[in-house]
PDB file of N, CA and C in Angstrom:
ATOM      1  N   UNK A   1     100.471 -39.733  54.170  1.00  0.00           N
ATOM      2  CA  UNK A   1     101.312 -40.330  55.178  1.00  0.00           C
ATOM      3  C   UNK A   1     100.422 -41.093  56.158  1.00  0.00           C
ATOM      4  N   UNK A   2     100.877 -42.239  56.568  1.00  0.00           N
ATOM      5  CA  UNK A   2     100.099 -43.073  57.484  1.00  0.00           C
ATOM      6  C   UNK A   2     100.018 -42.441  58.874  1.00  0.00           C
ATOM      7  N   UNK A   3      98.955 -42.788  59.580  1.00  0.00           N
ATOM      8  CA  UNK A   3      98.692 -42.230  60.899  1.00  0.00           C
ATOM      9  C   UNK A   3      99.855 -42.487  61.860  1.00  0.00           C
ATOM     10  N   UNK A   4     100.425 -43.659  61.818  1.00  0.00           N
ATOM     11  CA  UNK A   4     101.532 -44.009  62.702  1.00  0.00           C
ATOM     12  C   UNK A   4     102.717 -43.060  62.494  1.00  0.00           C
ATOM     13  N   UNK A   5     103.020 -42.727  61.246  1.00  0.00           N
ATOM     14  CA  UNK A   5     104.132 -41.822  60.965  1.00  0.00           C
ATOM     15  C   UNK A   5     103.796 -40.385  61.349  1.00  0.00           C
ATOM     16  N   UNK A   6     102.542 -39.962  61.124  1.00  0.00           N
ATOM     17  CA  UNK A   6     102.127 -38.616  61.536  1.00  0.00           C
ATOM     18  C   UNK A   6     102.277 -38.458  63.049  1.00  0.00           C
ATOM     19  N   UNK A   7     101.914 -39.511  63.797  1.00  0.00           N
ATOM     20  CA  UNK A   7     102.028 -39.466  65.254  1.00  0.00           C
ATOM     21  C   UNK A   7     103.495 -39.426  65.663  1.00  0.00           C
ATOM     22  N   UNK A   8     104.321 -40.215  65.023  1.00  0.00           N
ATOM     23  CA  UNK A   8     105.740 -40.277  65.358  1.00  0.00           C
ATOM     24  C   UNK A   8     106.449 -38.950  65.066  1.00  0.00           C
ATOM     25  N   UNK A   9     105.985 -38.257  64.008  1.00  0.00           N
ATOM     26  CA  UNK A   9     106.621 -37.003  63.603  1.00  0.00           C
ATOM     27  C   UNK A   9     105.913 -35.762  64.150  1.00  0.00           C
ATOM     28  N   UNK A  10     104.843 -35.956  64.937  1.00  0.00           N
ATOM     29  CA  UNK A  10     104.085 -34.847  65.533  1.00  0.00           C
ATOM     30  C   UNK A  10     103.573 -33.870  64.477  1.00  0.00           C
ATOM     31  N   UNK A  11     102.953 -34.406  63.446  1.00  0.00           N
ATOM     32  CA  UNK A  11     102.380 -33.548  62.414  1.00  0.00           C
ATOM     33  C   UNK A  11     100.898 -33.880  62.233  1.00  0.00           C
ATOM     34  N   UNK A  12     100.203 -33.028  61.485  1.00  0.00           N
ATOM     35  CA  UNK A  12      98.774 -33.237  61.258  1.00  0.00           C
ATOM     36  C   UNK A  12      97.997 -33.123  62.551  1.00  0.00           C
ATOM     37  N   UNK A  13      97.148 -34.083  62.816  1.00  0.00           N
ATOM     38  CA  UNK A  13      96.326 -34.061  64.025  1.00  0.00           C
ATOM     39  C   UNK A  13      97.139 -34.274  65.302  1.00  0.00           C
ATOM     40  N   UNK A  14      98.414 -34.627  65.180  1.00  0.00           N
ATOM     41  CA  UNK A  14      99.280 -34.858  66.341  1.00  0.00           C
ATOM     42  C   UNK A  14     100.222 -33.685  66.618  1.00  0.00           C
ATOM     43  N   UNK A  15     100.030 -32.582  65.911  1.00  0.00           N
ATOM     44  CA  UNK A  15     100.864 -31.402  66.104  1.00  0.00           C
ATOM     45  C   UNK A  15     100.665 -30.832  67.510  1.00  0.00           C
ATOM     46  N   UNK A  16     101.749 -30.378  68.120  1.00  0.00           N
ATOM     47  CA  UNK A  16     101.705 -29.800  69.458  1.00  0.00           C
ATOM     48  C   UNK A  16     102.173 -28.348  69.382  1.00  0.00           C
ATOM     49  N   UNK A  17     101.529 -27.492  70.184  1.00  0.00           N
ATOM     50  CA  UNK A  17     101.812 -26.064  70.140  1.00  0.00           C
ATOM     51  C   UNK A  17     102.308 -25.554  71.487  1.00  0.00           C
ATOM     52  N   UNK A  18     103.054 -24.478  71.449  1.00  0.00           N
ATOM     53  CA  UNK A  18     103.523 -23.795  72.645  1.00  0.00           C
ATOM     54  C   UNK A  18     103.723 -22.329  72.319  1.00  0.00           C
ATOM     55  N   UNK A  19     104.195 -21.554  73.301  1.00  0.00           N
ATOM     56  CA  UNK A  19     104.425 -20.130  73.087  1.00  0.00           C
ATOM     57  C   UNK A  19     105.491 -19.637  74.050  1.00  0.00           C
ATOM     58  N   UNK A  20     106.086 -18.514  73.685  1.00  0.00           N
ATOM     59  CA  UNK A  20     107.116 -17.889  74.504  1.00  0.00           C
ATOM     60  C   UNK A  20     106.494 -16.802  75.367  1.00  0.00           C
ATOM     61  N   UNK A  21     106.960 -16.714  76.607  1.00  0.00           N
ATOM     62  CA  UNK A  21     106.500 -15.688  77.540  1.00  0.00           C
ATOM     63  C   UNK A  21     107.719 -14.906  78.008  1.00  0.00           C
ATOM     64  N   UNK A  22     107.600 -13.583  77.971  1.00  0.00           N
ATOM     65  CA  UNK A  22     108.653 -12.706  78.462  1.00  0.00           C
ATOM     66  C   UNK A  22     108.061 -11.796  79.527  1.00  0.00           C
ATOM     67  N   UNK A  23     108.720 -11.724  80.666  1.00  0.00           N
ATOM     68  CA  UNK A  23     108.239 -10.913  81.778  1.00  0.00           C
ATOM     69  C   UNK A  23     109.216  -9.780  82.090  1.00  0.00           C
ATOM     70  N   UNK A  24     108.649  -8.652  82.466  1.00  0.00           N
ATOM     71  CA  UNK A  24     109.420  -7.552  83.038  1.00  0.00           C
ATOM     72  C   UNK A  24     108.908  -7.407  84.464  1.00  0.00           C
ATOM     73  N   UNK A  25     109.805  -7.572  85.423  1.00  0.00           N
ATOM     74  CA  UNK A  25     109.413  -7.525  86.829  1.00  0.00           C
ATOM     75  C   UNK A  25     109.579  -6.118  87.393  1.00  0.00           C
ATOM     76  N   UNK A  26     108.746  -5.780  88.362  1.00  0.00           N
ATOM     77  CA  UNK A  26     108.816  -4.469  89.007  1.00  0.00           C
ATOM     78  C   UNK A  26     110.007  -4.369  89.950  1.00  0.00           C
ATOM     79  N   UNK A  27     110.414  -5.507  90.509  1.00  0.00           N
ATOM     80  CA  UNK A  27     111.514  -5.524  91.474  1.00  0.00           C
ATOM     81  C   UNK A  27     112.483  -6.644  91.124  1.00  0.00           C
ATOM     82  N   UNK A  28     113.754  -6.399  91.411  1.00  0.00           N
ATOM     83  CA  UNK A  28     114.783  -7.411  91.160  1.00  0.00           C
ATOM     84  C   UNK A  28     115.139  -8.156  92.450  1.00  0.00           C
ATOM     85  N   UNK A  29     114.306  -8.010  93.459  1.00  0.00           N
ATOM     86  CA  UNK A  29     114.518  -8.619  94.768  1.00  0.00           C
ATOM     87  C   UNK A  29     114.403 -10.146  94.684  1.00  0.00           C
ATOM     88  N   UNK A  30     115.321 -10.858  95.317  1.00  0.00           N
ATOM     89  CA  UNK A  30     115.346 -12.326  95.266  1.00  0.00           C
ATOM     90  C   UNK A  30     114.097 -12.935  95.899  1.00  0.00           C
ATOM     91  N   UNK A  31     113.621 -12.365  97.004  1.00  0.00           N
ATOM     92  CA  UNK A  31     112.419 -12.893  97.657  1.00  0.00           C
ATOM     93  C   UNK A  31     111.191 -12.738  96.765  1.00  0.00           C
ATOM     94  N   UNK A  32     111.098 -11.607  96.094  1.00  0.00           N
ATOM     95  CA  UNK A  32     109.974 -11.361  95.184  1.00  0.00           C
ATOM     96  C   UNK A  32     110.001 -12.363  94.033  1.00  0.00           C
ATOM     97  N   UNK A  33     111.183 -12.583  93.478  1.00  0.00           N
ATOM     98  CA  UNK A  33     111.321 -13.543  92.384  1.00  0.00           C
ATOM     99  C   UNK A  33     110.939 -14.948  92.823  1.00  0.00           C
ATOM    100  N   UNK A  34     111.391 -15.334  94.004  1.00  0.00           N
ATOM    101  CA  UNK A  34     111.090 -16.672  94.510  1.00  0.00           C
ATOM    102  C   UNK A  34     109.595 -16.854  94.749  1.00  0.00           C
ATOM    103  N   UNK A  35     108.949 -15.839  95.306  1.00  0.00           N
ATOM    104  CA  UNK A  35     107.503 -15.911  95.547  1.00  0.00           C
ATOM    105  C   UNK A  35     106.740 -15.994  94.227  1.00  0.00           C
ATOM    106  N   UNK A  36     107.167 -15.208  93.242  1.00  0.00           N
ATOM    107  CA  UNK A  36     106.508 -15.253  91.932  1.00  0.00           C
ATOM    108  C   UNK A  36     106.720 -16.605  91.263  1.00  0.00           C
ATOM    109  N   UNK A  37     107.926 -17.140  91.345  1.00  0.00           N
ATOM    110  CA  UNK A  37     108.208 -18.435  90.736  1.00  0.00           C
ATOM    111  C   UNK A  37     107.351 -19.530  91.375  1.00  0.00           C
ATOM    112  N   UNK A  38     107.233 -19.528  92.687  1.00  0.00           N
ATOM    113  CA  UNK A  38     106.394 -20.524  93.365  1.00  0.00           C
ATOM    114  C   UNK A  38     104.940 -20.416  92.916  1.00  0.00           C
ATOM    115  N   UNK A  39     104.432 -19.180  92.855  1.00  0.00           N
ATOM    116  CA  UNK A  39     103.048 -18.970  92.423  1.00  0.00           C
ATOM    117  C   UNK A  39     102.869 -19.365  90.960  1.00  0.00           C
ATOM    118  N   UNK A  40     103.867 -19.056  90.124  1.00  0.00           N
ATOM    119  CA  UNK A  40     103.799 -19.403  88.703  1.00  0.00           C
ATOM    120  C   UNK A  40     103.781 -20.912  88.511  1.00  0.00           C
ATOM    121  N   UNK A  41     104.613 -21.621  89.240  1.00  0.00           N
ATOM    122  CA  UNK A  41     104.644 -23.083  89.117  1.00  0.00           C
ATOM    123  C   UNK A  41     103.316 -23.702  89.557  1.00  0.00           C
ATOM    124  N   UNK A  42     102.707 -23.156  90.587  1.00  0.00           N
ATOM    125  CA  UNK A  42     101.387 -23.636  91.010  1.00  0.00           C
ATOM    126  C   UNK A  42     100.345 -23.393  89.927  1.00  0.00           C
ATOM    127  N   UNK A  43     100.388 -22.202  89.321  1.00  0.00           N
ATOM    128  CA  UNK A  43      99.425 -21.876  88.260  1.00  0.00           C
ATOM    129  C   UNK A  43      99.650 -22.762  87.029  1.00  0.00           C
ATOM    130  N   UNK A  44     100.904 -23.060  86.728  1.00  0.00           N
ATOM    131  CA  UNK A  44     101.204 -23.943  85.598  1.00  0.00           C
ATOM    132  C   UNK A  44     100.616 -25.329  85.852  1.00  0.00           C
ATOM    133  N   UNK A  45     100.670 -25.803  87.093  1.00  0.00           N
ATOM    134  CA  UNK A  45     100.057 -27.089  87.445  1.00  0.00           C
ATOM    135  C   UNK A  45      98.541 -27.040  87.267  1.00  0.00           C
ATOM    136  N   UNK A  46      97.928 -25.946  87.703  1.00  0.00           N
ATOM    137  CA  UNK A  46      96.478 -25.795  87.576  1.00  0.00           C
ATOM    138  C   UNK A  46      96.060 -25.838  86.106  1.00  0.00           C
ATOM    139  N   UNK A  47      96.844 -25.190  85.243  1.00  0.00           N
ATOM    140  CA  UNK A  47      96.516 -25.126  83.814  1.00  0.00           C
ATOM    141  C   UNK A  47      97.063 -26.314  83.021  1.00  0.00           C
ATOM    142  N   UNK A  48      97.719 -27.258  83.688  1.00  0.00           N
ATOM    143  CA  UNK A  48      98.339 -28.412  83.023  1.00  0.00           C
ATOM    144  C   UNK A  48      99.341 -27.971  81.960  1.00  0.00           C
ATOM    145  N   UNK A  49     100.239 -27.077  82.352  1.00  0.00           N
ATOM    146  CA  UNK A  49     101.269 -26.582  81.450  1.00  0.00           C
ATOM    147  C   UNK A  49     102.637 -26.945  81.984  1.00  0.00           C
ATOM    148  N   UNK A  50     103.607 -27.012  81.086  1.00  0.00           N
ATOM    149  CA  UNK A  50     104.995 -27.167  81.488  1.00  0.00           C
ATOM    150  C   UNK A  50     105.772 -25.999  80.900  1.00  0.00           C
ATOM    151  N   UNK A  51     106.916 -25.710  81.500  1.00  0.00           N
ATOM    152  CA  UNK A  51     107.692 -24.577  81.031  1.00  0.00           C
ATOM    153  C   UNK A  51     109.168 -24.925  80.997  1.00  0.00           C
ATOM    154  N   UNK A  52     109.873 -24.237  80.123  1.00  0.00           N
ATOM    155  CA  UNK A  52     111.310 -24.391  80.033  1.00  0.00           C
ATOM    156  C   UNK A  52     111.939 -23.034  79.846  1.00  0.00           C
ATOM    157  N   UNK A  53     112.970 -22.739  80.617  1.00  0.00           N
ATOM    158  CA  UNK A  53     113.638 -21.448  80.523  1.00  0.00           C
ATOM    159  C   UNK A  53     113.821 -20.860  81.902  1.00  0.00           C
ATOM    160  N   UNK A  54     113.834 -19.546  81.961  1.00  0.00           N
ATOM    161  CA  UNK A  54     114.020 -18.852  83.232  1.00  0.00           C
ATOM    162  C   UNK A  54     112.725 -18.175  83.643  1.00  0.00           C
ATOM    163  N   UNK A  55     112.728 -17.517  84.768  1.00  0.00           N
ATOM    164  CA  UNK A  55     111.521 -16.854  85.253  1.00  0.00           C
ATOM    165  C   UNK A  55     111.088 -15.736  84.330  1.00  0.00           C
ATOM    166  N   UNK A  56     112.009 -14.999  83.758  1.00  0.00           N
ATOM    167  CA  UNK A  56     111.649 -13.839  82.942  1.00  0.00           C
ATOM    168  C   UNK A  56     111.517 -14.153  81.460  1.00  0.00           C
ATOM    169  N   UNK A  57     111.906 -15.334  81.026  1.00  0.00           N
ATOM    170  CA  UNK A  57     111.796 -15.714  79.620  1.00  0.00           C
ATOM    171  C   UNK A  57     111.694 -17.237  79.525  1.00  0.00           C
ATOM    172  N   UNK A  58     110.508 -17.726  79.167  1.00  0.00           N
ATOM    173  CA  UNK A  58     110.330 -19.176  79.123  1.00  0.00           C
ATOM    174  C   UNK A  58     109.373 -19.586  78.010  1.00  0.00           C
ATOM    175  N   UNK A  59     109.416 -20.879  77.679  1.00  0.00           N
ATOM    176  CA  UNK A  59     108.527 -21.481  76.693  1.00  0.00           C
ATOM    177  C   UNK A  59     107.492 -22.283  77.468  1.00  0.00           C
ATOM    178  N   UNK A  60     106.230 -22.053  77.179  1.00  0.00           N
ATOM    179  CA  UNK A  60     105.143 -22.777  77.849  1.00  0.00           C
ATOM    180  C   UNK A  60     104.448 -23.682  76.848  1.00  0.00           C
ATOM    181  N   UNK A  61     104.062 -24.866  77.320  1.00  0.00           N
ATOM    182  CA  UNK A  61     103.424 -25.858  76.463  1.00  0.00           C
ATOM    183  C   UNK A  61     102.511 -26.728  77.316  1.00  0.00           C
ATOM    184  N   UNK A  62     101.352 -27.118  76.780  1.00  0.00           N
ATOM    185  CA  UNK A  62     100.485 -28.036  77.539  1.00  0.00           C
ATOM    186  C   UNK A  62     101.169 -29.375  77.780  1.00  0.00           C
ATOM    187  N   UNK A  63     100.879 -29.974  78.925  1.00  0.00           N
ATOM    188  CA  UNK A  63     101.444 -31.283  79.255  1.00  0.00           C
ATOM    189  C   UNK A  63     100.861 -32.348  78.337  1.00  0.00           C
ATOM    190  N   UNK A  64      99.571 -32.251  78.060  1.00  0.00           N
ATOM    191  CA  UNK A  64      98.926 -33.193  77.150  1.00  0.00           C
ATOM    192  C   UNK A  64      98.657 -32.488  75.819  1.00  0.00           C
ATOM    193  N   UNK A  65      98.560 -33.248  74.754  1.00  0.00           N
ATOM    194  CA  UNK A  65      98.317 -32.669  73.435  1.00  0.00           C
ATOM    195  C   UNK A  65      96.903 -32.108  73.389  1.00  0.00           C
ATOM    196  N   UNK A  66      96.797 -30.826  73.028  1.00  0.00           N
ATOM    197  CA  UNK A  66      95.518 -30.154  72.895  1.00  0.00           C
ATOM    198  C   UNK A  66      95.392 -29.600  71.484  1.00  0.00           C
ATOM    199  N   UNK A  67      94.180 -29.275  71.105  1.00  0.00           N
ATOM    200  CA  UNK A  67      93.993 -28.626  69.809  1.00  0.00           C
ATOM    201  C   UNK A  67      94.568 -27.214  69.879  1.00  0.00           C
ATOM    202  N   UNK A  68      94.709 -26.595  68.718  1.00  0.00           N
ATOM    203  CA  UNK A  68      95.235 -25.234  68.674  1.00  0.00           C
ATOM    204  C   UNK A  68      94.339 -24.280  69.458  1.00  0.00           C
ATOM    205  N   UNK A  69      93.035 -24.446  69.334  1.00  0.00           N
ATOM    206  CA  UNK A  69      92.084 -23.577  70.032  1.00  0.00           C
ATOM    207  C   UNK A  69      92.175 -23.756  71.544  1.00  0.00           C
ATOM    208  N   UNK A  70      92.296 -24.988  72.003  1.00  0.00           N
ATOM    209  CA  UNK A  70      92.426 -25.251  73.439  1.00  0.00           C
ATOM    210  C   UNK A  70      93.736 -24.681  73.982  1.00  0.00           C
ATOM    211  N   UNK A  71      94.797 -24.780  73.192  1.00  0.00           N
ATOM    212  CA  UNK A  71      96.085 -24.228  73.599  1.00  0.00           C
ATOM    213  C   UNK A  71      96.004 -22.710  73.686  1.00  0.00           C
ATOM    214  N   UNK A  72      95.329 -22.075  72.734  1.00  0.00           N
ATOM    215  CA  UNK A  72      95.151 -20.623  72.783  1.00  0.00           C
ATOM    216  C   UNK A  72      94.379 -20.205  74.034  1.00  0.00           C
ATOM    217  N   UNK A  73      93.410 -20.999  74.422  1.00  0.00           N
ATOM    218  CA  UNK A  73      92.642 -20.707  75.629  1.00  0.00           C
ATOM    219  C   UNK A  73      93.547 -20.753  76.864  1.00  0.00           C
ATOM    220  N   UNK A  74      94.407 -21.750  76.944  1.00  0.00           N
ATOM    221  CA  UNK A  74      95.350 -21.852  78.074  1.00  0.00           C
ATOM    222  C   UNK A  74      96.330 -20.674  78.054  1.00  0.00           C
ATOM    223  N   UNK A  75      96.747 -20.292  76.848  1.00  0.00           N
ATOM    224  CA  UNK A  75      97.660 -19.162  76.712  1.00  0.00           C
ATOM    225  C   UNK A  75      97.009 -17.885  77.257  1.00  0.00           C
ATOM    226  N   UNK A  76      95.759 -17.670  76.912  1.00  0.00           N
ATOM    227  CA  UNK A  76      95.037 -16.483  77.389  1.00  0.00           C
ATOM    228  C   UNK A  76      94.855 -16.525  78.904  1.00  0.00           C
ATOM    229  N   UNK A  77      94.574 -17.695  79.450  1.00  0.00           N
ATOM    230  CA  UNK A  77      94.409 -17.818  80.894  1.00  0.00           C
ATOM    231  C   UNK A  77      95.709 -17.495  81.626  1.00  0.00           C
ATOM    232  N   UNK A  78      96.831 -18.004  81.114  1.00  0.00           N
ATOM    233  CA  UNK A  78      98.124 -17.719  81.737  1.00  0.00           C
ATOM    234  C   UNK A  78      98.472 -16.243  81.601  1.00  0.00           C
ATOM    235  N   UNK A  79      98.236 -15.671  80.433  1.00  0.00           N
ATOM    236  CA  UNK A  79      98.526 -14.256  80.201  1.00  0.00           C
ATOM    237  C   UNK A  79      97.716 -13.380  81.161  1.00  0.00           C
ATOM    238  N   UNK A  80      96.453 -13.695  81.317  1.00  0.00           N
ATOM    239  CA  UNK A  80      95.595 -12.939  82.225  1.00  0.00           C
ATOM    240  C   UNK A  80      96.102 -13.057  83.667  1.00  0.00           C
ATOM    241  N   UNK A  81      96.479 -14.259  84.068  1.00  0.00           N
ATOM    242  CA  UNK A  81      96.989 -14.464  85.425  1.00  0.00           C
ATOM    243  C   UNK A  81      98.269 -13.653  85.646  1.00  0.00           C
ATOM    244  N   UNK A  82      99.172 -13.659  84.661  1.00  0.00           N
ATOM    245  CA  UNK A  82     100.434 -12.935  84.798  1.00  0.00           C
ATOM    246  C   UNK A  82     100.217 -11.426  84.884  1.00  0.00           C
ATOM    247  N   UNK A  83      99.301 -10.887  84.099  1.00  0.00           N
ATOM    248  CA  UNK A  83      99.073  -9.447  84.123  1.00  0.00           C
ATOM    249  C   UNK A  83      98.423  -8.990  85.424  1.00  0.00           C
ATOM    250  N   UNK A  84      97.774  -9.888  86.128  1.00  0.00           N
ATOM    251  CA  UNK A  84      97.148  -9.536  87.401  1.00  0.00           C
ATOM    252  C   UNK A  84      98.115  -9.612  88.582  1.00  0.00           C
ATOM    253  N   UNK A  85      99.280 -10.182  88.376  1.00  0.00           N
ATOM    254  CA  UNK A  85     100.250 -10.321  89.467  1.00  0.00           C
ATOM    255  C   UNK A  85     100.886  -8.967  89.780  1.00  0.00           C
ATOM    256  N   UNK A  86     100.990  -8.603  91.066  1.00  0.00           N
ATOM    257  CA  UNK A  86     101.572  -7.306  91.421  1.00  0.00           C
ATOM    258  C   UNK A  86     103.074  -7.213  91.144  1.00  0.00           C
ATOM    259  N   UNK A  87     103.770  -8.357  91.065  1.00  0.00           N
ATOM    260  CA  UNK A  87     105.213  -8.343  90.836  1.00  0.00           C
ATOM    261  C   UNK A  87     105.581  -8.083  89.381  1.00  0.00           C
ATOM    262  N   UNK A  88     104.616  -8.260  88.469  1.00  0.00           N
ATOM    263  CA  UNK A  88     104.889  -8.205  87.033  1.00  0.00           C
ATOM    264  C   UNK A  88     104.518  -6.833  86.475  1.00  0.00           C
ATOM    265  N   UNK A  89     105.514  -6.154  85.882  1.00  0.00           N
ATOM    266  CA  UNK A  89     105.265  -4.859  85.244  1.00  0.00           C
ATOM    267  C   UNK A  89     104.694  -5.065  83.845  1.00  0.00           C
ATOM    268  N   UNK A  90     105.207  -6.074  83.151  1.00  0.00           N
ATOM    269  CA  UNK A  90     104.746  -6.352  81.785  1.00  0.00           C
ATOM    270  C   UNK A  90     104.919  -7.836  81.490  1.00  0.00           C
ATOM    271  N   UNK A  91     103.907  -8.423  80.864  1.00  0.00           N
ATOM    272  CA  UNK A  91     103.961  -9.828  80.443  1.00  0.00           C
ATOM    273  C   UNK A  91     103.605  -9.891  78.967  1.00  0.00           C
ATOM    274  N   UNK A  92     104.484 -10.485  78.178  1.00  0.00           N
ATOM    275  CA  UNK A  92     104.282 -10.585  76.730  1.00  0.00           C
ATOM    276  C   UNK A  92     104.293 -12.047  76.325  1.00  0.00           C
ATOM    277  N   UNK A  93     103.283 -12.450  75.546  1.00  0.00           N
ATOM    278  CA  UNK A  93     103.219 -13.811  75.010  1.00  0.00           C
ATOM    279  C   UNK A  93     103.343 -13.752  73.496  1.00  0.00           C
ATOM    280  N   UNK A  94     104.109 -14.667  72.935  1.00  0.00           N
ATOM    281  CA  UNK A  94     104.254 -14.738  71.482  1.00  0.00           C
ATOM    282  C   UNK A  94     103.047 -15.454  70.880  1.00  0.00           C
ATOM    283  N   UNK A  95     102.986 -15.477  69.581  1.00  0.00           N
ATOM    284  CA  UNK A  95     101.974 -16.271  68.888  1.00  0.00           C
ATOM    285  C   UNK A  95     102.305 -17.745  69.097  1.00  0.00           C
ATOM    286  N   UNK A  96     101.314 -18.607  68.933  1.00  0.00           N
ATOM    287  CA  UNK A  96     101.564 -20.044  69.067  1.00  0.00           C
ATOM    288  C   UNK A  96     102.555 -20.497  68.010  1.00  0.00           C
ATOM    289  N   UNK A  97     103.412 -21.413  68.406  1.00  0.00           N
ATOM    290  CA  UNK A  97     104.397 -21.973  67.487  1.00  0.00           C
ATOM    291  C   UNK A  97     104.391 -23.489  67.610  1.00  0.00           C
ATOM    292  N   UNK A  98     104.805 -24.171  66.585  1.00  0.00           N
ATOM    293  CA  UNK A  98     104.903 -25.620  66.621  1.00  0.00           C
ATOM    294  C   UNK A  98     105.981 -25.994  67.636  1.00  0.00           C
ATOM    295  N   UNK A  99     105.619 -26.768  68.637  1.00  0.00           N
ATOM    296  CA  UNK A  99     106.539 -27.088  69.731  1.00  0.00           C
ATOM    297  C   UNK A  99     107.690 -27.987  69.290  1.00  0.00           C
ATOM    298  N   UNK A 100     107.542 -28.672  68.174  1.00  0.00           N
ATOM    299  CA  UNK A 100     108.593 -29.584  67.714  1.00  0.00           C
ATOM    300  C   UNK A 100     109.426 -29.013  66.585  1.00  0.00           C
ATOM    301  N   UNK A 101     108.816 -28.204  65.722  1.00  0.00           N
ATOM    302  CA  UNK A 101     109.510 -27.750  64.517  1.00  0.00           C
ATOM    303  C   UNK A 101     109.706 -26.253  64.438  1.00  0.00           C
ATOM    304  N   UNK A 102     109.208 -25.488  65.406  1.00  0.00           N
ATOM    305  CA  UNK A 102     109.459 -24.057  65.439  1.00  0.00           C
ATOM    306  C   UNK A 102     108.510 -23.259  64.568  1.00  0.00           C
ATOM    307  N   UNK A 103     108.838 -22.045  64.287  1.00  0.00           N
ATOM    308  CA  UNK A 103     110.154 -21.408  64.354  1.00  0.00           C
ATOM    309  C   UNK A 103     110.536 -21.049  65.783  1.00  0.00           C
ATOM    310  N   UNK A 104     111.842 -21.154  66.064  1.00  0.00           N
ATOM    311  CA  UNK A 104     112.376 -20.845  67.379  1.00  0.00           C
ATOM    312  C   UNK A 104     113.270 -19.597  67.257  1.00  0.00           C
ATOM    313  N   UNK A 105     113.213 -18.699  68.242  1.00  0.00           N
ATOM    314  CA  UNK A 105     114.082 -17.522  68.179  1.00  0.00           C
ATOM    315  C   UNK A 105     115.546 -17.916  68.370  1.00  0.00           C
ATOM    316  N   UNK A 106     116.405 -17.124  67.814  1.00  0.00           N
ATOM    317  CA  UNK A 106     117.845 -17.397  67.918  1.00  0.00           C
ATOM    318  C   UNK A 106     118.409 -16.932  69.212  1.00  0.00           C
TER     319      UNK A 106
END
């Protein structure tokens, strides 16, 4: 397949990766959630990540296309940051998945 088509279809060297994050919070307090969300959005900016979903369950993906290894590094950095937060009882990250073709949970 030609390079132009691989780029258009996000395959081969143009493949993009992301992962799912699930959080269990220690408190259901609205102020705590808002403070965590603000801090999370700042950290996502620092790591050049974007997210889609809710605070307790979201999909994270790099803003720019990175290699699989670079994406795994960002995933580990975010996971480490989340586990250090006092508001978070448990943070779970899925394995990397193709951001365009899945597999996606039902």
